[in-house]
Amino acid sequence: MKKIEEKKEKWKYKWAVEALFITFCLSLLISFLSTNAINSLSLIPAILILLLVIFLGVITDTIGVAVTVGNEEDFHAKASKKIEGAKPSIKLIRNSAKVANICCDVIGDICGVLSGAISAMLAVKISNLLQININTNFLISAVVAAVTVGSKAAGKVIGQEHSTQIVHIVGIALNKFIK
């Protein structure tokens, strides 16, 4: 009995180490690509990339909440009727802790850090473009933080209220991706 419990404990820590490694690699890659891209872009495309990063963080947080509060039973009838996306949806809900960790923590946190770095680069671009000497970084960072937090709060409500639909859409997307 004790060996089974030890195996379960090791598995928990194994996922934590895997999540750490995945986060590090993804963050390094995404940060490198986006910061190099932002430096070479004009203001409007740079702002659009920032909005895309914020949107990605909001969407993944919404999915993470939806999977966490989703009800597996909602998909059993759909799976028995062979409705597309039902089986992947069941797998998502059964693995809700990992899915939420990837969506909310790995991707969501990377997007948060990345949006902060992009907003700092945008502040420099705006200061240079408008030839102003005041530090615009504080204002831009505050706007980005407010938009991110407000959007994620709304996304969490949507994830709770529409968990079945959201999980099903993700299940359909996974089904198409896997094929």
C-alpha atoms as a PDB file:
ATOM      1  CA  MET A   1       0.000   0.000   0.000  1.00  0.00           C
ATOM      2  CA  LYS A   2       2.832   2.345   0.852  1.00  0.00           C
ATOM      3  CA  LYS A   3       4.540   1.752  -2.545  1.00  0.00           C
ATOM      4  CA  ILE A   4       1.354   2.748  -4.388  1.00  0.00           C
ATOM      5  CA  GLU A   5       1.155   5.978  -2.390  1.00  0.00           C
ATOM      6  CA  GLU A   6       4.839   6.695  -3.095  1.00  0.00           C
ATOM      7  CA  LYS A   7       4.241   6.171  -6.836  1.00  0.00           C
ATOM      8  CA  LYS A   8       1.344   8.636  -6.762  1.00  0.00           C
ATOM      9  CA  GLU A   9       3.511  11.203  -4.948  1.00  0.00           C
ATOM     10  CA  LYS A  10       6.326  10.792  -7.477  1.00  0.00           C
ATOM     11  CA  TRP A  11       3.856  11.270 -10.329  1.00  0.00           C
ATOM     12  CA  LYS A  12       2.674  14.577  -8.841  1.00  0.00           C
ATOM     13  CA  TYR A  13       6.215  15.866  -8.630  1.00  0.00           C
ATOM     14  CA  LYS A  14       7.022  14.546 -12.102  1.00  0.00           C
ATOM     15  CA  TRP A  15       4.278  16.736 -13.575  1.00  0.00           C
ATOM     16  CA  ALA A  16       5.564  19.742 -11.641  1.00  0.00           C
ATOM     17  CA  VAL A  17       9.039  19.257 -13.103  1.00  0.00           C
ATOM     18  CA  GLU A  18       7.593  18.737 -16.597  1.00  0.00           C
ATOM     19  CA  ALA A  19       5.506  21.903 -16.236  1.00  0.00           C
ATOM     20  CA  LEU A  20       8.579  23.821 -15.109  1.00  0.00           C
ATOM     21  CA  PHE A  21      10.588  22.618 -18.110  1.00  0.00           C
ATOM     22  CA  ILE A  22       7.768  23.247 -20.607  1.00  0.00           C
ATOM     23  CA  THR A  23       7.198  26.732 -19.202  1.00  0.00           C
ATOM     24  CA  PHE A  24      10.870  27.601 -19.373  1.00  0.00           C
ATOM     25  CA  CYS A  25      11.245  26.441 -22.975  1.00  0.00           C
ATOM     26  CA  LEU A  26       8.016  28.046 -24.198  1.00  0.00           C
ATOM     27  CA  SER A  27       8.727  31.287 -22.382  1.00  0.00           C
ATOM     28  CA  LEU A  28      12.236  31.465 -23.780  1.00  0.00           C
ATOM     29  CA  LEU A  29      11.066  30.789 -27.327  1.00  0.00           C
ATOM     30  CA  ILE A  30       8.041  33.077 -27.273  1.00  0.00           C
ATOM     31  CA  SER A  31       9.904  35.892 -25.532  1.00  0.00           C
ATOM     32  CA  PHE A  32      12.789  35.691 -27.978  1.00  0.00           C
ATOM     33  CA  LEU A  33      10.526  35.686 -31.027  1.00  0.00           C
ATOM     34  CA  SER A  34       8.168  38.393 -29.848  1.00  0.00           C
ATOM     35  CA  THR A  35      10.769  40.802 -28.499  1.00  0.00           C
ATOM     36  CA  ASN A  36      12.789  40.545 -31.684  1.00  0.00           C
ATOM     37  CA  ALA A  37       9.624  41.019 -33.713  1.00  0.00           C
ATOM     38  CA  ILE A  38       8.458  44.005 -31.641  1.00  0.00           C
ATOM     39  CA  ASN A  39      11.804  45.787 -32.006  1.00  0.00           C
ATOM     40  CA  SER A  40      11.608  45.612 -35.782  1.00  0.00           C
ATOM     41  CA  LEU A  41       7.929  46.564 -36.128  1.00  0.00           C
ATOM     42  CA  SER A  42       6.245  49.916 -36.299  1.00  0.00           C
ATOM     43  CA  LEU A  43       3.854  51.023 -33.550  1.00  0.00           C
ATOM     44  CA  ILE A  44       0.518  49.710 -34.875  1.00  0.00           C
ATOM     45  CA  PRO A  45       1.670  46.126 -35.609  1.00  0.00           C
ATOM     46  CA  ALA A  46       3.443  46.074 -32.226  1.00  0.00           C
ATOM     47  CA  ILE A  47       0.200  47.089 -30.498  1.00  0.00           C
ATOM     48  CA  LEU A  48      -1.671  44.387 -32.439  1.00  0.00           C
ATOM     49  CA  ILE A  49       0.831  41.760 -31.249  1.00  0.00           C
ATOM     50  CA  LEU A  50       0.367  42.984 -27.678  1.00  0.00           C
ATOM     51  CA  LEU A  51      -3.408  42.654 -28.019  1.00  0.00           C
ATOM     52  CA  LEU A  52      -2.975  39.168 -29.492  1.00  0.00           C
ATOM     53  CA  VAL A  53      -0.814  38.109 -26.538  1.00  0.00           C
ATOM     54  CA  ILE A  54      -3.391  39.477 -24.071  1.00  0.00           C
ATOM     55  CA  PHE A  55      -6.206  37.755 -25.988  1.00  0.00           C
ATOM     56  CA  LEU A  56      -4.333  34.425 -25.947  1.00  0.00           C
ATOM     57  CA  GLY A  57      -3.897  34.688 -22.176  1.00  0.00           C
ATOM     58  CA  VAL A  58      -7.587  35.484 -21.683  1.00  0.00           C
ATOM     59  CA  ILE A  59      -8.750  32.637 -23.939  1.00  0.00           C
ATOM     60  CA  THR A  60      -6.518  30.058 -22.280  1.00  0.00           C
ATOM     61  CA  ASP A  61      -7.620  31.192 -18.803  1.00  0.00           C
ATOM     62  CA  THR A  62     -11.247  30.878 -19.904  1.00  0.00           C
ATOM     63  CA  ILE A  63     -10.602  27.355 -21.200  1.00  0.00           C
ATOM     64  CA  GLY A  64      -8.797  26.416 -17.986  1.00  0.00           C
ATOM     65  CA  VAL A  65     -11.750  27.521 -15.855  1.00  0.00           C
ATOM     66  CA  ALA A  66     -14.273  25.843 -18.171  1.00  0.00           C
ATOM     67  CA  VAL A  67     -12.430  22.520 -18.017  1.00  0.00           C
ATOM     68  CA  THR A  68     -12.126  22.749 -14.238  1.00  0.00           C
ATOM     69  CA  VAL A  69     -15.841  23.344 -13.645  1.00  0.00           C
ATOM     70  CA  GLY A  70     -17.024  21.203 -16.572  1.00  0.00           C
ATOM     71  CA  ASN A  71     -19.234  18.207 -15.937  1.00  0.00           C
ATOM     72  CA  GLU A  72     -18.090  14.955 -17.499  1.00  0.00           C
ATOM     73  CA  GLU A  73     -21.629  13.557 -17.558  1.00  0.00           C
ATOM     74  CA  ASP A  74     -22.657  16.252 -20.054  1.00  0.00           C
ATOM     75  CA  PHE A  75     -20.422  14.552 -22.616  1.00  0.00           C
ATOM     76  CA  HIS A  76     -21.245  10.883 -22.025  1.00  0.00           C
ATOM     77  CA  ALA A  77     -24.540  11.109 -23.918  1.00  0.00           C
ATOM     78  CA  LYS A  78     -22.820  13.032 -26.708  1.00  0.00           C
ATOM     79  CA  ALA A  79     -20.074  10.411 -26.871  1.00  0.00           C
ATOM     80  CA  SER A  80     -22.619   7.581 -27.078  1.00  0.00           C
ATOM     81  CA  LYS A  81     -24.236   9.403 -30.013  1.00  0.00           C
ATOM     82  CA  LYS A  82     -20.750   9.788 -31.538  1.00  0.00           C
ATOM     83  CA  ILE A  83     -20.977  13.578 -31.562  1.00  0.00           C
ATOM     84  CA  GLU A  84     -17.690  15.087 -32.684  1.00  0.00           C
ATOM     85  CA  GLY A  85     -15.475  16.329 -29.887  1.00  0.00           C
ATOM     86  CA  ALA A  86     -17.261  14.499 -27.070  1.00  0.00           C
ATOM     87  CA  LYS A  87     -14.514  11.979 -26.328  1.00  0.00           C
ATOM     88  CA  PRO A  88     -11.708  14.570 -26.247  1.00  0.00           C
ATOM     89  CA  SER A  89     -13.953  16.719 -24.028  1.00  0.00           C
ATOM     90  CA  ILE A  90     -14.258  13.862 -21.540  1.00  0.00           C
ATOM     91  CA  LYS A  91     -10.464  13.469 -21.543  1.00  0.00           C
ATOM     92  CA  LEU A  92     -10.058  17.201 -20.955  1.00  0.00           C
ATOM     93  CA  ILE A  93     -12.350  17.124 -17.929  1.00  0.00           C
ATOM     94  CA  ARG A  94     -10.752  13.959 -16.551  1.00  0.00           C
ATOM     95  CA  ASN A  95      -7.376  15.698 -16.758  1.00  0.00           C
ATOM     96  CA  SER A  96      -8.710  19.068 -15.628  1.00  0.00           C
ATOM     97  CA  ALA A  97      -5.878  19.753 -13.172  1.00  0.00           C
ATOM     98  CA  LYS A  98      -3.209  19.387 -15.862  1.00  0.00           C
ATOM     99  CA  VAL A  99      -5.270  21.169 -18.505  1.00  0.00           C
ATOM    100  CA  ALA A 100      -5.968  24.081 -16.154  1.00  0.00           C
ATOM    101  CA  ASN A 101      -2.293  24.193 -15.179  1.00  0.00           C
ATOM    102  CA  ILE A 102      -1.208  24.368 -18.823  1.00  0.00           C
ATOM    103  CA  CYS A 103      -3.914  26.854 -19.831  1.00  0.00           C
ATOM    104  CA  CYS A 104      -3.961  29.156 -16.809  1.00  0.00           C
ATOM    105  CA  ASP A 105      -0.452  28.857 -15.455  1.00  0.00           C
ATOM    106  CA  VAL A 106       1.869  27.917 -18.286  1.00  0.00           C
ATOM    107  CA  ILE A 107       0.297  29.788 -21.194  1.00  0.00           C
ATOM    108  CA  GLY A 108      -1.574  32.405 -19.141  1.00  0.00           C
ATOM    109  CA  ASP A 109       1.444  33.394 -17.059  1.00  0.00           C
ATOM    110  CA  ILE A 110       3.768  33.434 -20.062  1.00  0.00           C
ATOM    111  CA  CYS A 111       1.324  35.767 -21.801  1.00  0.00           C
ATOM    112  CA  GLY A 112       1.243  37.987 -18.708  1.00  0.00           C
ATOM    113  CA  VAL A 113       5.018  38.276 -18.518  1.00  0.00           C
ATOM    114  CA  LEU A 114       5.261  38.712 -22.262  1.00  0.00           C
ATOM    115  CA  SER A 115       2.634  41.452 -22.356  1.00  0.00           C
ATOM    116  CA  GLY A 116       4.620  43.306 -19.673  1.00  0.00           C
ATOM    117  CA  ALA A 117       7.798  43.074 -21.721  1.00  0.00           C
ATOM    118  CA  ILE A 118       5.999  44.152 -24.895  1.00  0.00           C
ATOM    119  CA  SER A 119       4.351  47.073 -23.102  1.00  0.00           C
ATOM    120  CA  ALA A 120       7.783  48.252 -21.927  1.00  0.00           C
ATOM    121  CA  MET A 121       9.081  48.137 -25.500  1.00  0.00           C
ATOM    122  CA  LEU A 122       5.972  49.957 -26.697  1.00  0.00           C
ATOM    123  CA  ALA A 123       6.560  52.670 -24.125  1.00  0.00           C
ATOM    124  CA  VAL A 124      10.012  53.262 -25.543  1.00  0.00           C
ATOM    125  CA  LYS A 125       8.626  53.308 -29.101  1.00  0.00           C
ATOM    126  CA  ILE A 126       5.896  55.780 -28.149  1.00  0.00           C
ATOM    127  CA  SER A 127       8.329  58.033 -26.270  1.00  0.00           C
ATOM    128  CA  ASN A 128      10.684  58.063 -29.245  1.00  0.00           C
ATOM    129  CA  LEU A 129       7.890  58.532 -31.776  1.00  0.00           C
ATOM    130  CA  LEU A 130       6.264  61.426 -29.914  1.00  0.00           C
ATOM    131  CA  GLN A 131       9.618  62.759 -28.727  1.00  0.00           C
ATOM    132  CA  ILE A 132       8.482  63.055 -25.134  1.00  0.00           C
ATOM    133  CA  ASN A 133      10.784  62.811 -22.177  1.00  0.00           C
ATOM    134  CA  ILE A 134       8.267  61.595 -19.591  1.00  0.00           C
ATOM    135  CA  ASN A 135       8.266  57.946 -18.656  1.00  0.00           C
ATOM    136  CA  THR A 136       5.247  56.470 -20.446  1.00  0.00           C
ATOM    137  CA  ASN A 137       6.073  53.000 -19.156  1.00  0.00           C
ATOM    138  CA  PHE A 138       4.015  53.437 -15.969  1.00  0.00           C
ATOM    139  CA  LEU A 139       0.898  54.491 -17.837  1.00  0.00           C
ATOM    140  CA  ILE A 140       1.166  51.824 -20.536  1.00  0.00           C
ATOM    141  CA  SER A 141       1.910  49.093 -17.981  1.00  0.00           C
ATOM    142  CA  ALA A 142      -1.123  50.134 -15.938  1.00  0.00           C
ATOM    143  CA  VAL A 143      -3.380  50.088 -19.003  1.00  0.00           C
ATOM    144  CA  VAL A 144      -2.087  46.669 -20.086  1.00  0.00           C
ATOM    145  CA  ALA A 145      -2.498  45.265 -16.565  1.00  0.00           C
ATOM    146  CA  ALA A 146      -6.034  46.661 -16.244  1.00  0.00           C
ATOM    147  CA  VAL A 147      -7.101  45.331 -19.642  1.00  0.00           C
ATOM    148  CA  THR A 148      -5.555  41.926 -18.903  1.00  0.00           C
ATOM    149  CA  VAL A 149      -7.040  41.530 -15.422  1.00  0.00           C
ATOM    150  CA  GLY A 150     -10.458  42.862 -16.431  1.00  0.00           C
ATOM    151  CA  SER A 151     -10.592  40.629 -19.498  1.00  0.00           C
ATOM    152  CA  LYS A 152      -9.479  37.567 -17.539  1.00  0.00           C
ATOM    153  CA  ALA A 153     -12.119  38.239 -14.882  1.00  0.00           C
ATOM    154  CA  ALA A 154     -14.797  38.387 -17.582  1.00  0.00           C
ATOM    155  CA  GLY A 155     -13.338  35.267 -19.203  1.00  0.00           C
ATOM    156  CA  LYS A 156     -13.544  33.358 -15.934  1.00  0.00           C
ATOM    157  CA  VAL A 157     -17.231  34.208 -15.575  1.00  0.00           C
ATOM    158  CA  ILE A 158     -17.825  33.110 -19.166  1.00  0.00           C
ATOM    159  CA  GLY A 159     -15.840  29.911 -18.514  1.00  0.00           C
ATOM    160  CA  GLN A 160     -18.015  29.091 -15.513  1.00  0.00           C
ATOM    161  CA  GLU A 161     -21.324  29.910 -17.150  1.00  0.00           C
ATOM    162  CA  HIS A 162     -20.618  28.243 -20.496  1.00  0.00           C
ATOM    163  CA  SER A 163     -18.240  25.459 -19.513  1.00  0.00           C
ATOM    164  CA  THR A 164     -19.995  22.739 -21.501  1.00  0.00           C
ATOM    165  CA  GLN A 165     -19.974  24.729 -24.736  1.00  0.00           C
ATOM    166  CA  ILE A 166     -16.377  25.866 -24.281  1.00  0.00           C
ATOM    167  CA  VAL A 167     -15.062  22.407 -23.434  1.00  0.00           C
ATOM    168  CA  HIS A 168     -16.981  20.989 -26.409  1.00  0.00           C
ATOM    169  CA  ILE A 169     -15.486  23.576 -28.782  1.00  0.00           C
ATOM    170  CA  VAL A 170     -12.004  22.753 -27.487  1.00  0.00           C
ATOM    171  CA  GLY A 171     -12.801  19.034 -27.806  1.00  0.00           C
ATOM    172  CA  ILE A 172     -13.850  19.532 -31.435  1.00  0.00           C
ATOM    173  CA  ALA A 173     -10.688  21.531 -32.134  1.00  0.00           C
ATOM    174  CA  LEU A 174      -8.543  18.838 -30.530  1.00  0.00           C
ATOM    175  CA  ASN A 175     -10.383  16.183 -32.523  1.00  0.00           C
ATOM    176  CA  LYS A 176      -9.589  18.008 -35.778  1.00  0.00           C
ATOM    177  CA  PHE A 177      -6.015  18.702 -34.691  1.00  0.00           C
ATOM    178  CA  ILE A 178      -5.359  15.083 -33.754  1.00  0.00           C
ATOM    179  CA  LYS A 179      -6.716  13.839 -37.093  1.00  0.00           C
END
